[in-house]
Amino acid sequence: MTIKISHSVMALAAVGALVGMPMLNGVALAGNKHVDEAVEHARGAASHGKEGHADACVQHAEEALKHAQGAGVKNPHLDEGVKHLKEAVQHGKAGHADACKDHAEGGATHLAEVK
């Protein structure tokens, strides 16, 4: 009788874990929505910079920066990503599309590492 109860409890715990873990992962992923948006905009900035469009590079880099700063995550990659995005904005405003692209790519690379 004790063995049946143990197996039942273990089965219940296993089902609970299978159902509960995806929900917890969903909560964690929802917390990184800002980071995901930041990566997307940083990549957009790099794409525009590659085409020589410094103004569009700045617009996307600024949007990426807003999302990165709003992520509320403590992570060295986030900090580095923010630094790169600030540089991208500065260079883009000076009309340096290529430098804007380089820093936007650096920002996207670091932000993609934020977990």
Protein backbone atom coordinates (compact mmCIF):
# COMPACT_ATOMS: atom_id res chain seq x y z
CA MET A 1 0.00 0.00 0.00
CA THR A 2 2.82 2.40 0.82
CA ILE A 3 4.45 1.73 -2.53
CA LYS A 4 1.25 2.60 -4.42
CA ILE A 5 1.00 5.90 -2.59
CA SER A 6 4.65 6.70 -3.33
CA HIS A 7 4.18 6.01 -7.02
CA SER A 8 1.04 8.13 -7.09
CA VAL A 9 2.79 11.02 -5.37
CA MET A 10 5.75 10.75 -7.72
CA ALA A 11 3.47 10.66 -10.75
CA LEU A 12 1.58 13.69 -9.50
CA ALA A 13 4.84 15.57 -8.90
CA ALA A 14 6.08 14.69 -12.39
CA VAL A 15 2.87 15.91 -14.01
CA GLY A 16 3.03 19.08 -11.92
CA ALA A 17 6.59 19.71 -13.05
CA LEU A 18 5.71 19.14 -16.71
CA VAL A 19 2.80 21.55 -16.49
CA GLY A 20 4.42 24.11 -14.19
CA MET A 21 7.83 24.53 -15.82
CA PRO A 22 6.59 25.88 -19.15
CA MET A 23 4.51 28.45 -17.27
CA LEU A 24 7.55 29.54 -15.30
CA ASN A 25 9.62 29.72 -18.48
CA GLY A 26 6.89 31.86 -20.04
CA VAL A 27 7.14 34.28 -17.16
CA ALA A 28 10.92 34.45 -17.58
CA LEU A 29 10.59 35.00 -21.31
CA ALA A 30 8.00 37.73 -20.81
CA GLY A 31 10.49 39.52 -18.58
CA ASN A 32 12.98 39.65 -21.47
CA LYS A 33 10.54 41.14 -23.98
CA HIS A 34 12.38 44.47 -23.74
CA VAL A 35 15.68 42.73 -24.44
CA ASP A 36 14.18 40.95 -27.45
CA GLU A 37 12.86 44.27 -28.78
CA ALA A 38 16.24 45.90 -28.16
CA VAL A 39 18.01 43.18 -30.16
CA GLU A 40 15.50 43.53 -32.99
CA HIS A 41 15.92 47.31 -33.19
CA ALA A 42 19.71 47.10 -32.87
CA ARG A 43 19.77 44.72 -35.83
CA GLY A 44 17.51 47.11 -37.73
CA ALA A 45 19.89 49.95 -36.94
CA ALA A 46 22.82 47.92 -38.24
CA SER A 47 20.93 47.10 -41.41
CA HIS A 48 20.18 50.76 -42.10
CA GLY A 49 23.74 51.75 -41.25
CA LYS A 50 25.00 49.18 -43.74
CA GLU A 51 22.88 50.89 -46.41
CA GLY A 52 24.39 54.26 -45.49
CA HIS A 53 21.24 55.61 -43.81
CA ALA A 54 22.66 57.24 -40.69
CA ASP A 55 19.34 58.86 -39.73
CA ALA A 56 17.42 55.56 -39.78
CA CYS A 57 20.31 53.90 -37.95
CA VAL A 58 19.93 56.51 -35.18
CA GLN A 59 16.15 56.00 -34.97
CA HIS A 60 16.47 52.25 -34.48
CA ALA A 61 19.46 52.57 -32.15
CA GLU A 62 17.50 55.03 -29.97
CA GLU A 63 14.53 52.67 -29.85
CA ALA A 64 16.83 49.76 -29.00
CA LEU A 65 18.40 51.86 -26.26
CA LYS A 66 14.98 52.63 -24.73
CA HIS A 67 14.12 48.93 -24.61
CA ALA A 68 17.52 47.91 -23.28
CA GLN A 69 17.35 50.49 -20.50
CA GLY A 70 13.79 49.43 -19.67
CA ALA A 71 14.66 45.74 -19.39
CA GLY A 72 15.31 45.93 -15.66
CA VAL A 73 17.94 43.18 -15.82
CA LYS A 74 21.36 43.22 -14.20
CA ASN A 75 23.74 41.70 -16.72
CA PRO A 76 27.19 42.75 -18.00
CA HIS A 77 26.11 42.03 -21.59
CA LEU A 78 23.19 44.42 -21.16
CA ASP A 79 25.58 47.10 -19.90
CA GLU A 80 27.90 46.59 -22.88
CA GLY A 81 24.97 46.58 -25.27
CA VAL A 82 23.78 49.92 -23.88
CA LYS A 83 27.29 51.38 -24.30
CA HIS A 84 27.38 50.28 -27.93
CA LEU A 85 23.92 51.66 -28.61
CA LYS A 86 24.87 55.04 -27.13
CA GLU A 87 27.93 55.08 -29.40
CA ALA A 88 25.76 54.10 -32.38
CA VAL A 89 23.44 57.04 -31.71
CA GLN A 90 26.34 59.45 -31.30
CA HIS A 91 28.04 58.36 -34.52
CA GLY A 92 24.79 58.22 -36.46
CA LYS A 93 23.90 61.77 -35.45
CA ALA A 94 27.32 62.83 -36.74
CA GLY A 95 26.43 61.22 -40.08
CA HIS A 96 28.79 58.26 -39.67
CA ALA A 97 26.54 55.46 -40.89
CA ASP A 98 29.34 52.89 -40.93
CA ALA A 99 30.33 53.54 -37.31
CA CYS A 100 26.66 53.54 -36.34
CA LYS A 101 26.33 50.13 -38.00
CA ASP A 102 29.40 48.76 -36.22
CA HIS A 103 28.20 49.83 -32.78
CA ALA A 104 24.63 48.70 -33.45
CA GLU A 105 25.98 45.26 -34.40
CA GLY A 106 28.07 45.21 -31.22
CA GLY A 107 25.02 46.17 -29.20
CA ALA A 108 22.89 43.47 -30.81
CA THR A 109 25.58 40.86 -30.18
CA HIS A 110 25.82 41.70 -26.48
CA LEU A 111 22.07 42.05 -25.98
CA ALA A 112 21.47 38.66 -27.60
CA GLU A 113 23.61 37.17 -24.80
CA VAL A 114 21.39 38.56 -22.04
CA LYS A 115 19.56 35.67 -20.41
